[in-house]
C-alpha atoms as a PDB file:
ATOM      1  CA  MET A   1       0.000   0.000   0.000  1.00  0.00           C
ATOM      2  CA  LYS A   2       2.781   2.386   0.988  1.00  0.00           C
ATOM      3  CA  LYS A   3       4.603   1.628  -2.265  1.00  0.00           C
ATOM      4  CA  ALA A   4       1.482   2.456  -4.269  1.00  0.00           C
ATOM      5  CA  VAL A   5       1.173   5.865  -2.562  1.00  0.00           C
ATOM      6  CA  ILE A   6       4.808   6.705  -3.247  1.00  0.00           C
ATOM      7  CA  ALA A   7       4.452   5.716  -6.892  1.00  0.00           C
ATOM      8  CA  THR A   8       1.377   7.880  -7.254  1.00  0.00           C
ATOM      9  CA  ALA A   9       3.204  10.858  -5.724  1.00  0.00           C
ATOM     10  CA  LEU A  10       6.134  10.426  -8.068  1.00  0.00           C
ATOM     11  CA  LEU A  11       3.825  10.331 -11.053  1.00  0.00           C
ATOM     12  CA  MET A  12       2.148  13.571  -9.940  1.00  0.00           C
ATOM     13  CA  VAL A  13       5.521  15.324  -9.501  1.00  0.00           C
ATOM     14  CA  GLY A  14       6.646  14.140 -12.940  1.00  0.00           C
ATOM     15  CA  ALA A  15       3.480  15.434 -14.499  1.00  0.00           C
ATOM     16  CA  GLN A  16       3.978  18.812 -12.884  1.00  0.00           C
ATOM     17  CA  LEU A  17       7.579  18.949 -14.062  1.00  0.00           C
ATOM     18  CA  GLN A  18       6.505  18.196 -17.619  1.00  0.00           C
ATOM     19  CA  ALA A  19       3.772  20.870 -17.547  1.00  0.00           C
ATOM     20  CA  ALA A  20       5.918  23.640 -15.985  1.00  0.00           C
ATOM     21  CA  PRO A  21       8.034  24.667 -19.063  1.00  0.00           C
ATOM     22  CA  ALA A  22       4.922  25.520 -21.166  1.00  0.00           C
ATOM     23  CA  PRO A  23       4.444  29.064 -19.775  1.00  0.00           C
ATOM     24  CA  VAL A  24       8.138  29.864 -20.468  1.00  0.00           C
ATOM     25  CA  ILE A  25       7.776  28.888 -24.152  1.00  0.00           C
ATOM     26  CA  GLU A  26       4.545  30.865 -24.512  1.00  0.00           C
ATOM     27  CA  ALA A  27       6.161  33.934 -22.943  1.00  0.00           C
ATOM     28  CA  ALA A  28       9.123  33.645 -25.299  1.00  0.00           C
ATOM     29  CA  GLU A  29       6.807  33.341 -28.267  1.00  0.00           C
ATOM     30  CA  ASN A  30       4.838  36.377 -27.114  1.00  0.00           C
ATOM     31  CA  GLN A  31       8.062  38.364 -26.678  1.00  0.00           C
ATOM     32  CA  THR A  32       9.257  37.358 -30.149  1.00  0.00           C
ATOM     33  CA  ALA A  33       5.938  38.370 -31.681  1.00  0.00           C
ATOM     34  CA  SER A  34       6.027  41.707 -29.842  1.00  0.00           C
ATOM     35  CA  SER A  35       9.601  42.380 -30.984  1.00  0.00           C
ATOM     36  CA  SER A  36       8.659  41.529 -34.567  1.00  0.00           C
ATOM     37  CA  PHE A  37       5.686  43.897 -34.441  1.00  0.00           C
ATOM     38  CA  ALA A  38       7.832  46.692 -32.980  1.00  0.00           C
ATOM     39  CA  SER A  39      10.474  46.125 -35.654  1.00  0.00           C
ATOM     40  CA  ASN A  40       7.891  46.234 -38.422  1.00  0.00           C
ATOM     41  CA  ASP A  41       6.375  49.422 -36.960  1.00  0.00           C
ATOM     42  CA  LEU A  42       9.829  51.028 -36.738  1.00  0.00           C
ATOM     43  CA  GLU A  43      10.636  50.118 -40.318  1.00  0.00           C
ATOM     44  CA  SER A  44       7.281  51.561 -41.410  1.00  0.00           C
ATOM     45  CA  ARG A  45       7.971  54.810 -39.588  1.00  0.00           C
ATOM     46  CA  VAL A  46      11.483  55.032 -41.012  1.00  0.00           C
ATOM     47  CA  THR A  47      10.124  54.408 -44.515  1.00  0.00           C
ATOM     48  CA  ARG A  48       7.491  57.098 -44.015  1.00  0.00           C
ATOM     49  CA  LEU A  49      10.106  59.548 -42.755  1.00  0.00           C
ATOM     50  CA  GLU A  50      12.331  58.775 -45.719  1.00  0.00           C
ATOM     51  CA  ARG A  51       9.440  59.502 -48.070  1.00  0.00           C
ATOM     52  CA  LEU A  52       8.719  62.769 -46.262  1.00  0.00           C
ATOM     53  CA  MET A  53      12.389  63.766 -46.401  1.00  0.00           C
ATOM     54  CA  LYS A  54      12.547  62.963 -50.107  1.00  0.00           C
ATOM     55  CA  ALA A  55       9.374  64.945 -50.788  1.00  0.00           C
ATOM     56  CA  ARG A  56      10.712  67.877 -48.787  1.00  0.00           C
ATOM     57  CA  ASN A  57      14.028  67.799 -50.645  1.00  0.00           C
ATOM     58  CA  GLN A  58      12.215  67.735 -53.970  1.00  0.00           C
ATOM     59  CA  ALA A  59      10.027  70.659 -52.885  1.00  0.00           C
ATOM     60  CA  GLN A  60      13.098  72.620 -51.775  1.00  0.00           C
ATOM     61  CA  LEU A  61      14.819  71.894 -55.067  1.00  0.00           C
ATOM     62  CA  HIS A  62      11.727  73.020 -56.980  1.00  0.00           C
ATOM     63  CA  MET A  63      11.485  76.210 -54.904  1.00  0.00           C
ATOM     64  CA  GLN A  64      15.168  76.932 -55.467  1.00  0.00           C
ATOM     65  CA  GLN A  65      14.728  76.475 -59.209  1.00  0.00           C
ATOM     66  CA  MET A  66      11.735  78.820 -59.175  1.00  0.00           C
ATOM     67  CA  PHE A  67      13.694  81.353 -57.111  1.00  0.00           C
ATOM     68  CA  ASP A  68      16.631  81.198 -59.519  1.00  0.00           C
ATOM     69  CA  GLN A  69      14.279  81.657 -62.454  1.00  0.00           C
ATOM     70  CA  LEU A  70      12.600  84.651 -60.778  1.00  0.00           C
ATOM     71  CA  GLN A  71      15.992  86.184 -60.039  1.00  0.00           C
ATOM     72  CA  SER A  72      16.939  85.772 -63.674  1.00  0.00           C
ATOM     73  CA  GLU A  73      13.671  87.364 -64.826  1.00  0.00           C
ATOM     74  CA  VAL A  74      14.069  90.249 -62.378  1.00  0.00           C
ATOM     75  CA  SER A  75      17.610  90.855 -63.612  1.00  0.00           C
ATOM     76  CA  GLU A  76      16.391  90.817 -67.202  1.00  0.00           C
ATOM     77  CA  LEU A  77      13.536  93.197 -66.406  1.00  0.00           C
ATOM     78  CA  ARG A  78      15.913  95.490 -64.530  1.00  0.00           C
ATOM     79  CA  GLY A  79      18.173  95.573 -67.563  1.00  0.00           C
ATOM     80  CA  GLN A  80      15.240  96.359 -69.833  1.00  0.00           C
ATOM     81  CA  ALA A  81      14.051  99.100 -67.466  1.00  0.00           C
ATOM     82  CA  GLU A  82      17.503 100.678 -67.388  1.00  0.00           C
ATOM     83  CA  SER A  83      17.693 100.528 -71.176  1.00  0.00           C
ATOM     84  CA  GLN A  84      14.243 102.081 -71.541  1.00  0.00           C
ATOM     85  CA  GLN A  85      15.130 104.761 -68.999  1.00  0.00           C
ATOM     86  CA  TYR A  86      18.210 105.637 -71.021  1.00  0.00           C
ATOM     87  CA  GLN A  87      16.188 105.750 -74.231  1.00  0.00           C
ATOM     88  CA  LEU A  88      13.563 107.920 -72.526  1.00  0.00           C
ATOM     89  CA  GLN A  89      16.239 110.345 -71.372  1.00  0.00           C
ATOM     90  CA  GLN A  90      17.524 110.536 -74.925  1.00  0.00           C
ATOM     91  CA  VAL A  91      14.008 111.245 -76.230  1.00  0.00           C
ATOM     92  CA  ILE A  92      13.477 113.956 -73.605  1.00  0.00           C
ATOM     93  CA  GLU A  93      16.796 115.563 -74.440  1.00  0.00           C
ATOM     94  CA  ARG A  94      16.012 115.366 -78.153  1.00  0.00           C
ATOM     95  CA  GLN A  95      12.609 116.927 -77.542  1.00  0.00           C
ATOM     96  CA  ARG A  96      14.204 119.734 -75.522  1.00  0.00           C
ATOM     97  CA  GLN A  97      16.592 120.448 -78.371  1.00  0.00           C
ATOM     98  CA  LEU A  98      13.720 120.467 -80.850  1.00  0.00           C
ATOM     99  CA  TYR A  99      11.743 122.926 -78.743  1.00  0.00           C
ATOM    100  CA  GLN A 100      14.742 125.228 -78.557  1.00  0.00           C
ATOM    101  CA  GLU A 101      15.346 124.997 -82.287  1.00  0.00           C
ATOM    102  CA  LEU A 102      11.685 125.579 -83.120  1.00  0.00           C
ATOM    103  CA  ALA A 103      11.585 128.609 -80.837  1.00  0.00           C
ATOM    104  CA  ARG A 104      14.723 129.969 -82.490  1.00  0.00           C
ATOM    105  CA  ILE A 105      13.283 129.359 -85.951  1.00  0.00           C
ATOM    106  CA  GLU A 106       9.973 130.988 -85.064  1.00  0.00           C
ATOM    107  CA  GLU A 107      11.677 134.054 -83.625  1.00  0.00           C
ATOM    108  CA  GLY A 108      14.334 134.483 -86.295  1.00  0.00           C
ATOM    109  CA  PHE A 109      12.603 133.334 -89.463  1.00  0.00           C
ATOM    110  CA  LYS A 110      11.080 136.674 -90.420  1.00  0.00           C
ATOM    111  CA  ALA A 111      14.355 138.453 -89.755  1.00  0.00           C
ATOM    112  CA  ALA A 112      16.346 136.154 -92.072  1.00  0.00           C
ATOM    113  CA  PRO A 113      17.616 137.735 -95.325  1.00  0.00           C
ATOM    114  CA  ALA A 114      15.621 136.964 -98.426  1.00  0.00           C
ATOM    115  CA  ALA A 115      18.677 135.337 -99.980  1.00  0.00           C
ATOM    116  CA  ASP A 116      18.797 132.757 -97.219  1.00  0.00           C
ATOM    117  CA  SER A 117      15.120 131.872 -97.466  1.00  0.00           C
ATOM    118  CA  ALA A 118      14.928 131.661-101.251  1.00  0.00           C
ATOM    119  CA  ALA A 119      15.719 128.194-102.568  1.00  0.00           C
ATOM    120  CA  PRO A 120      17.145 127.761-106.083  1.00  0.00           C
ATOM    121  CA  ALA A 121      15.162 125.586-108.430  1.00  0.00           C
ATOM    122  CA  THR A 122      17.916 122.963-108.474  1.00  0.00           C
ATOM    123  CA  SER A 123      18.088 122.689-104.687  1.00  0.00           C
ATOM    124  CA  ALA A 124      14.627 121.159-104.383  1.00  0.00           C
ATOM    125  CA  GLN A 125      15.535 118.121-106.469  1.00  0.00           C
ATOM    126  CA  PRO A 126      18.048 116.529-104.063  1.00  0.00           C
ATOM    127  CA  THR A 127      15.404 116.514-101.329  1.00  0.00           C
ATOM    128  CA  ALA A 128      12.608 114.936-103.349  1.00  0.00           C
ATOM    129  CA  THR A 129      14.437 112.406-105.497  1.00  0.00           C
ATOM    130  CA  PRO A 130      16.453 110.598-102.794  1.00  0.00           C
ATOM    131  CA  ALA A 131      13.327 110.278-100.631  1.00  0.00           C
ATOM    132  CA  LEU A 132      12.039 107.639-103.029  1.00  0.00           C
ATOM    133  CA  THR A 133      15.092 105.444-102.528  1.00  0.00           C
ATOM    134  CA  LEU A 134      15.944 106.119 -98.855  1.00  0.00           C
ATOM    135  CA  SER A 135      14.558 104.014 -96.065  1.00  0.00           C
ATOM    136  CA  GLU A 136      11.623 105.377 -94.095  1.00  0.00           C
ATOM    137  CA  ALA A 137      13.741 106.448 -91.098  1.00  0.00           C
ATOM    138  CA  ASP A 138      16.465 107.917 -93.301  1.00  0.00           C
ATOM    139  CA  ALA A 139      13.973 109.895 -95.378  1.00  0.00           C
ATOM    140  CA  TYR A 140      12.436 111.371 -92.233  1.00  0.00           C
ATOM    141  CA  GLN A 141      15.821 112.179 -90.723  1.00  0.00           C
ATOM    142  CA  GLN A 142      16.928 113.837 -93.939  1.00  0.00           C
ATOM    143  CA  ALA A 143      13.910 116.138 -93.827  1.00  0.00           C
ATOM    144  CA  VAL A 144      14.529 116.961 -90.170  1.00  0.00           C
ATOM    145  CA  ASP A 145      18.199 117.681 -90.859  1.00  0.00           C
ATOM    146  CA  LEU A 146      17.182 120.245 -93.471  1.00  0.00           C
ATOM    147  CA  VAL A 147      15.620 122.179 -90.586  1.00  0.00           C
ATOM    148  CA  LEU A 148      17.914 121.545 -87.638  1.00  0.00           C
ATOM    149  CA  LYS A 149      21.330 121.196 -89.259  1.00  0.00           C
ATOM    150  CA  GLN A 150      21.223 122.848 -92.659  1.00  0.00           C
ATOM    151  CA  ARG A 151      18.511 125.429 -91.917  1.00  0.00           C
ATOM    152  CA  ARG A 152      17.146 125.075 -95.420  1.00  0.00           C
ATOM    153  CA  TYR A 153      13.581 125.770 -94.369  1.00  0.00           C
ATOM    154  CA  ASP A 154      12.112 126.183 -97.828  1.00  0.00           C
ATOM    155  CA  ASP A 155      13.630 122.878 -98.934  1.00  0.00           C
ATOM    156  CA  ALA A 156      12.293 121.174 -95.829  1.00  0.00           C
ATOM    157  CA  ILE A 157       8.668 121.892 -96.771  1.00  0.00           C
ATOM    158  CA  PRO A 158       8.653 119.749 -99.964  1.00  0.00           C
ATOM    159  CA  ALA A 159      10.802 117.167 -98.187  1.00  0.00           C
ATOM    160  CA  PHE A 160       8.171 116.646 -95.480  1.00  0.00           C
ATOM    161  CA  ARG A 161       5.385 116.646 -98.043  1.00  0.00           C
ATOM    162  CA  GLN A 162       7.254 114.016-100.052  1.00  0.00           C
ATOM    163  CA  PHE A 163       7.726 111.911 -96.933  1.00  0.00           C
ATOM    164  CA  ILE A 164       4.012 112.081 -96.100  1.00  0.00           C
ATOM    165  CA  GLU A 165       3.168 111.047 -99.656  1.00  0.00           C
ATOM    166  CA  ASN A 166       5.639 108.156 -99.669  1.00  0.00           C
ATOM    167  CA  TYR A 167       4.949 106.903 -96.137  1.00  0.00           C
ATOM    168  CA  PRO A 168       1.345 107.785 -95.197  1.00  0.00           C
ATOM    169  CA  GLN A 169       1.218 105.010 -92.566  1.00  0.00           C
ATOM    170  CA  SER A 170       4.603 105.709 -91.018  1.00  0.00           C
ATOM    171  CA  SER A 171       5.072 106.289 -87.299  1.00  0.00           C
ATOM    172  CA  TYR A 172       6.811 109.520 -88.333  1.00  0.00           C
ATOM    173  CA  THR A 173       3.897 110.849 -90.378  1.00  0.00           C
ATOM    174  CA  ALA A 174       2.263 112.765 -87.513  1.00  0.00           C
ATOM    175  CA  ASN A 175       5.570 114.449 -86.718  1.00  0.00           C
ATOM    176  CA  SER A 176       6.017 115.273 -90.394  1.00  0.00           C
ATOM    177  CA  TYR A 177       2.637 117.013 -90.454  1.00  0.00           C
ATOM    178  CA  TYR A 178       3.665 118.982 -87.371  1.00  0.00           C
ATOM    179  CA  TRP A 179       7.001 120.025 -88.881  1.00  0.00           C
ATOM    180  CA  LEU A 180       5.213 120.997 -92.075  1.00  0.00           C
ATOM    181  CA  GLY A 181       2.697 123.098 -90.129  1.00  0.00           C
ATOM    182  CA  GLN A 182       5.472 124.784 -88.161  1.00  0.00           C
ATOM    183  CA  LEU A 183       7.420 125.709 -91.289  1.00  0.00           C
ATOM    184  CA  LEU A 184       4.292 127.045 -93.012  1.00  0.00           C
ATOM    185  CA  PHE A 185       3.347 128.947 -89.845  1.00  0.00           C
ATOM    186  CA  ASN A 186       6.761 130.624 -89.848  1.00  0.00           C
ATOM    187  CA  GLN A 187       6.165 131.662 -93.462  1.00  0.00           C
ATOM    188  CA  ASN A 188       2.847 133.201 -92.389  1.00  0.00           C
ATOM    189  CA  LYS A 189       0.936 130.707 -94.539  1.00  0.00           C
ATOM    190  CA  MET A 190      -1.730 130.360 -91.866  1.00  0.00           C
ATOM    191  CA  GLY A 191      -4.309 128.474 -93.910  1.00  0.00           C
ATOM    192  CA  GLU A 192      -1.903 125.721 -94.934  1.00  0.00           C
ATOM    193  CA  ALA A 193      -0.375 125.588 -91.470  1.00  0.00           C
ATOM    194  CA  GLN A 194      -3.820 125.266 -89.943  1.00  0.00           C
ATOM    195  CA  GLY A 195      -4.541 122.282 -92.214  1.00  0.00           C
ATOM    196  CA  ALA A 196      -1.335 120.519 -91.187  1.00  0.00           C
ATOM    197  CA  PHE A 197      -1.880 121.076 -87.456  1.00  0.00           C
ATOM    198  CA  SER A 198      -5.540 120.047 -87.706  1.00  0.00           C
ATOM    199  CA  THR A 199      -4.458 116.786 -89.336  1.00  0.00           C
ATOM    200  CA  VAL A 200      -2.268 115.981 -86.337  1.00  0.00           C
ATOM    201  CA  VAL A 201      -5.072 116.824 -83.881  1.00  0.00           C
ATOM    202  CA  ASN A 202      -7.846 114.938 -85.673  1.00  0.00           C
ATOM    203  CA  ARG A 203      -6.031 112.016 -87.260  1.00  0.00           C
ATOM    204  CA  TYR A 204      -3.391 111.221 -84.640  1.00  0.00           C
ATOM    205  CA  PRO A 205      -4.958 111.458 -81.167  1.00  0.00           C
ATOM    206  CA  ASP A 206      -2.041 109.611 -79.568  1.00  0.00           C
ATOM    207  CA  SER A 207       0.681 111.681 -81.171  1.00  0.00           C
ATOM    208  CA  ALA A 208       3.224 113.390 -78.934  1.00  0.00           C
ATOM    209  CA  LYS A 209       2.772 116.447 -81.165  1.00  0.00           C
ATOM    210  CA  ARG A 210      -0.984 116.772 -80.621  1.00  0.00           C
ATOM    211  CA  ALA A 211      -0.693 119.170 -77.669  1.00  0.00           C
ATOM    212  CA  ASP A 212       1.710 121.420 -79.591  1.00  0.00           C
ATOM    213  CA  SER A 213      -0.560 121.282 -82.635  1.00  0.00           C
ATOM    214  CA  LEU A 214      -3.532 122.429 -80.538  1.00  0.00           C
ATOM    215  CA  LEU A 215      -1.407 125.252 -79.177  1.00  0.00           C
ATOM    216  CA  LYS A 216      -0.453 126.320 -82.703  1.00  0.00           C
ATOM    217  CA  LEU A 217      -4.094 126.208 -83.813  1.00  0.00           C
ATOM    218  CA  GLY A 218      -4.859 128.571 -80.950  1.00  0.00           C
ATOM    219  CA  LYS A 219      -2.105 130.936 -82.071  1.00  0.00           C
ATOM    220  CA  ILE A 220      -3.349 130.824 -85.651  1.00  0.00           C
ATOM    221  CA  ALA A 221      -6.904 131.617 -84.489  1.00  0.00           C
ATOM    222  CA  SER A 222      -5.536 134.457 -82.369  1.00  0.00           C
ATOM    223  CA  ALA A 223      -3.558 135.834 -85.330  1.00  0.00           C
ATOM    224  CA  GLN A 224      -6.730 135.712 -87.429  1.00  0.00           C
ATOM    225  CA  GLY A 225      -8.609 137.705 -84.776  1.00  0.00           C
ATOM    226  CA  ASP A 226     -10.772 134.786 -83.609  1.00  0.00           C
ATOM    227  CA  LYS A 227     -10.173 135.129 -79.871  1.00  0.00           C
ATOM    228  CA  ALA A 228     -13.015 132.806 -78.897  1.00  0.00           C
ATOM    229  CA  SER A 229     -11.637 129.899 -80.954  1.00  0.00           C
ATOM    230  CA  ALA A 230      -8.120 130.672 -79.777  1.00  0.00           C
ATOM    231  CA  ASN A 231      -9.160 130.470 -76.130  1.00  0.00           C
ATOM    232  CA  ARG A 232     -10.989 127.209 -76.763  1.00  0.00           C
ATOM    233  CA  TYR A 233      -7.816 125.685 -78.187  1.00  0.00           C
ATOM    234  CA  PHE A 234      -5.708 126.984 -75.303  1.00  0.00           C
ATOM    235  CA  GLN A 235      -8.201 125.690 -72.739  1.00  0.00           C
ATOM    236  CA  GLN A 236      -8.240 122.308 -74.462  1.00  0.00           C
ATOM    237  CA  VAL A 237      -4.458 122.095 -74.178  1.00  0.00           C
ATOM    238  CA  VAL A 238      -4.569 122.919 -70.467  1.00  0.00           C
ATOM    239  CA  LYS A 239      -7.367 120.421 -69.834  1.00  0.00           C
ATOM    240  CA  GLU A 240      -5.985 117.484 -71.824  1.00  0.00           C
ATOM    241  CA  TYR A 241      -2.246 118.035 -71.314  1.00  0.00           C
ATOM    242  CA  ALA A 242      -2.080 119.718 -67.913  1.00  0.00           C
ATOM    243  CA  ASN A 243       1.543 118.789 -67.150  1.00  0.00           C
ATOM    244  CA  SER A 244       3.028 119.551 -70.555  1.00  0.00           C
ATOM    245  CA  ASN A 245       5.145 122.451 -71.780  1.00  0.00           C
ATOM    246  CA  ALA A 246       2.368 123.215 -74.244  1.00  0.00           C
ATOM    247  CA  ALA A 247      -0.059 123.674 -71.322  1.00  0.00           C
ATOM    248  CA  ASP A 248       2.307 126.169 -69.687  1.00  0.00           C
ATOM    249  CA  LEU A 249       2.473 128.170 -72.918  1.00  0.00           C
ATOM    250  CA  ALA A 250      -1.319 127.948 -73.324  1.00  0.00           C
ATOM    251  CA  LYS A 251      -1.801 129.360 -69.814  1.00  0.00           C
ATOM    252  CA  LYS A 252       0.398 132.320 -70.747  1.00  0.00           C
ATOM    253  CA  GLU A 253      -1.710 132.906 -73.859  1.00  0.00           C
ATOM    254  CA  LEU A 254      -4.921 132.762 -71.802  1.00  0.00           C
ATOM    255  CA  ALA A 255      -3.447 135.210 -69.308  1.00  0.00           C
ATOM    256  CA  LYS A 256      -3.055 137.768 -72.087  1.00  0.00           C
ATOM    257  CA  GLY A 257      -6.848 138.000 -72.228  1.00  0.00           C
END
């Protein structure tokens, strides 16, 4: 009986010993699974961060390229602005010289000797014939030079008329009409001068010579004794071209009463 009890006890202890390792194995398996999950999660986060870093680098590269392009465009625009500013200064200086020359011509034309104002019959041919073969800009410059450099005012009149006939759509045509009107005005040919100035006013509303043409129309009206029309022209100059030299001159004419 005693032997049977001992045998039973030994069997129970053996069974317990065999069952005891199971929790250790399960814990190890759980730990391995947890480590694997953590590793996978870490790799996922690293991958996501790498994608974010790559996207950020690409965005920075794109922004840098855009910035470089904008800098290049700004530099180009600055260069164009400086070039245009220089050209504008040249135009202003040229216009100042023209005003001075026109004022000198207007003041001194009537006092010039008859020999200087009379043009020989042969002198008109060199101004008309070459105009047919010269380029548009050259033909215009040649006519202007007759006034400003050579002071051959009588020859300049047919030269400007020839230019207008040859180049009716030219960007210089409005100026040519103005020059023609000025030369005729200086010769006291008021009717013809009035026609030339009126052409500038009515046909070329954007011309830089429109304000001066209105001023001259006012002077012509004043010379003809039509004070009402003269004042209307002067007032129009002041109203439409308030900050111009022509407006200053028109104000002086209005102040005369």
